[in-house]
Amino acid sequence: LMSESSISYEEMRRRGATTLWEYWPDTTEDRSHNHPMFGAAAVYIFEYLLGIRQEEGKSGFEEVLIAPVLNTNLNRLKGSRMVPAGLIEVAYEKKETGVEFKIVIPENLKAVFKLGELQLELSAGENTIVVE
């Protein structure tokens, strides 16, 4: 995910990709430019790095757990996920004072933020959390 070599997601982006290509750039003849083969990385980004996932044992995204996994190679990350209740947005940025999270939760959605031992109930709208 972090590579900038000629065989990387970054190379696809540099070449104008707006979808995931079927093959890595320069590895074979031109093929599909809209293929889910490398899509597992997207699941990793949204469910683990951003931490947007369902509470275990729940279905239909009626309850959401925001439990990001911080990566030493990433200083900031931002993304969103559409669920039946609306758009969930998660962004974080590492600063000198700690990590600042901005999390937007739609109305009528129960959401909990968890990072290590810290666990907070989130409210609808924008939530700002700073973890030292």
Protein backbone atom coordinates (compact mmCIF):
# COMPACT_ATOMS: atom_id res chain seq x y z
CA LEU A 1 0.00 0.00 0.00
CA MET A 2 2.85 2.40 0.73
CA SER A 3 5.11 1.47 -2.20
CA GLU A 4 5.84 4.05 -4.89
CA SER A 5 7.61 1.63 -7.24
CA SER A 6 6.49 0.91 -10.80
CA ILE A 7 4.42 -2.03 -9.49
CA SER A 8 2.18 -0.30 -6.96
CA TYR A 9 -1.15 1.38 -6.35
CA GLU A 10 0.72 4.69 -6.47
CA GLU A 11 1.89 3.94 -10.01
CA MET A 12 -1.70 3.25 -11.06
CA ARG A 13 -2.67 6.63 -9.56
CA ARG A 14 0.23 8.41 -11.30
CA ARG A 15 -0.97 6.97 -14.59
CA GLY A 16 -4.47 8.37 -14.05
CA ALA A 17 -6.25 5.35 -12.59
CA THR A 18 -9.59 6.06 -10.96
CA THR A 19 -10.28 2.35 -10.42
CA LEU A 20 -8.14 -0.67 -9.58
CA TRP A 21 -6.59 -2.18 -12.68
CA GLU A 22 -6.61 -5.92 -13.38
CA TYR A 23 -2.80 -6.07 -13.60
CA TRP A 24 0.03 -4.04 -12.12
CA PRO A 25 1.35 -1.38 -14.50
CA ASP A 26 4.04 -2.61 -16.94
CA THR A 27 3.53 -6.30 -16.08
CA THR A 28 1.58 -7.41 -19.16
CA GLU A 29 -0.46 -6.11 -22.07
CA ASP A 30 -3.20 -3.58 -21.41
CA ARG A 31 -6.17 -5.22 -19.69
CA SER A 32 -9.22 -4.25 -17.65
CA HIS A 33 -9.05 -0.92 -15.86
CA ASN A 34 -11.94 -1.70 -13.55
CA HIS A 35 -11.30 -4.95 -11.73
CA PRO A 36 -11.79 -5.94 -8.09
CA MET A 37 -8.81 -8.31 -7.95
CA PHE A 38 -6.74 -5.95 -5.79
CA GLY A 39 -9.79 -4.71 -3.89
CA ALA A 40 -8.94 -6.49 -0.63
CA ALA A 41 -6.71 -3.52 0.16
CA ALA A 42 -9.80 -1.30 0.23
CA VAL A 43 -11.38 -3.50 2.91
CA TYR A 44 -8.16 -3.22 4.94
CA ILE A 45 -8.17 0.59 4.65
CA PHE A 46 -11.81 1.08 5.64
CA GLU A 47 -12.28 -1.66 8.25
CA TYR A 48 -8.85 -1.59 9.89
CA LEU A 49 -6.86 1.59 9.19
CA LEU A 50 -9.95 3.82 9.44
CA GLY A 51 -11.68 1.30 11.71
CA ILE A 52 -15.21 1.63 10.30
CA ARG A 53 -16.90 -1.70 11.02
CA GLN A 54 -20.01 -3.29 12.46
CA GLU A 55 -20.21 -4.27 16.08
CA GLU A 56 -19.52 -7.99 16.32
CA GLY A 57 -22.69 -10.06 16.10
CA LYS A 58 -24.68 -7.16 14.59
CA SER A 59 -25.94 -6.78 11.04
CA GLY A 60 -27.13 -4.04 8.73
CA PHE A 61 -24.82 -1.42 10.25
CA GLU A 62 -27.35 -0.58 12.96
CA GLU A 63 -24.44 -0.17 15.37
CA VAL A 64 -20.95 0.86 14.32
CA LEU A 65 -17.54 0.50 15.88
CA ILE A 66 -14.88 3.02 14.93
CA ALA A 67 -11.65 1.27 15.99
CA PRO A 68 -8.76 2.53 13.84
CA VAL A 69 -5.45 0.73 13.75
CA LEU A 70 -2.70 3.35 13.62
CA ASN A 71 0.16 2.64 11.24
CA THR A 72 3.63 4.10 11.81
CA ASN A 73 3.98 4.85 8.08
CA LEU A 74 0.82 6.98 7.91
CA ASN A 75 0.61 10.43 9.48
CA ARG A 76 -2.92 11.11 8.31
CA LEU A 77 -5.79 9.28 6.72
CA LYS A 78 -9.32 10.21 5.68
CA GLY A 79 -12.19 8.21 4.28
CA SER A 80 -15.91 7.60 4.42
CA ARG A 81 -18.32 4.72 4.18
CA MET A 82 -22.00 4.82 3.22
CA VAL A 83 -24.24 2.72 5.46
CA PRO A 84 -28.07 2.56 5.59
CA ALA A 85 -28.21 5.39 8.19
CA GLY A 86 -26.01 7.69 6.07
CA LEU A 87 -22.39 8.62 5.52
CA ILE A 88 -19.78 7.83 8.19
CA GLU A 89 -16.60 9.91 7.88
CA VAL A 90 -13.33 9.24 9.69
CA ALA A 91 -10.16 11.30 9.49
CA TYR A 92 -7.10 11.37 11.67
CA GLU A 93 -3.85 13.27 11.76
CA LYS A 94 -0.81 12.69 13.93
CA LYS A 95 0.36 15.92 15.58
CA GLU A 96 2.99 16.79 18.18
CA THR A 97 0.31 16.76 20.89
CA GLY A 98 -1.17 13.39 19.87
CA VAL A 99 -3.52 12.01 17.26
CA GLU A 100 -6.56 14.11 16.34
CA PHE A 101 -9.61 12.22 15.08
CA LYS A 102 -12.57 13.84 13.35
CA ILE A 103 -15.48 11.42 13.06
CA VAL A 104 -18.87 12.25 11.54
CA ILE A 105 -21.77 9.98 12.49
CA PRO A 106 -25.20 10.18 10.82
CA GLU A 107 -28.41 10.62 12.82
CA ASN A 108 -30.01 7.52 14.35
CA LEU A 109 -26.82 5.46 14.35
CA LYS A 110 -25.28 4.12 17.53
CA ALA A 111 -21.49 4.43 17.28
CA VAL A 112 -18.58 3.74 19.60
CA PHE A 113 -14.95 4.87 19.21
CA LYS A 114 -12.29 2.53 20.53
CA LEU A 115 -8.53 2.96 20.55
CA GLY A 116 -6.57 0.78 22.92
CA GLU A 117 -8.22 1.03 26.34
CA LEU A 118 -10.11 4.22 25.41
CA GLN A 119 -13.76 3.69 24.54
CA LEU A 120 -16.22 6.55 23.92
CA GLU A 121 -19.80 6.71 22.72
CA LEU A 122 -20.06 8.98 19.69
CA SER A 123 -22.91 11.37 19.00
CA ALA A 124 -24.55 12.26 15.69
CA GLY A 125 -22.64 14.95 13.83
CA GLU A 126 -18.95 15.73 14.10
CA ASN A 127 -16.94 14.29 16.97
CA THR A 128 -13.38 15.48 17.63
CA ILE A 129 -11.15 13.31 19.79
CA VAL A 130 -7.50 13.93 20.66
CA VAL A 131 -5.52 10.98 21.97
CA GLU A 132 -2.12 11.74 23.47
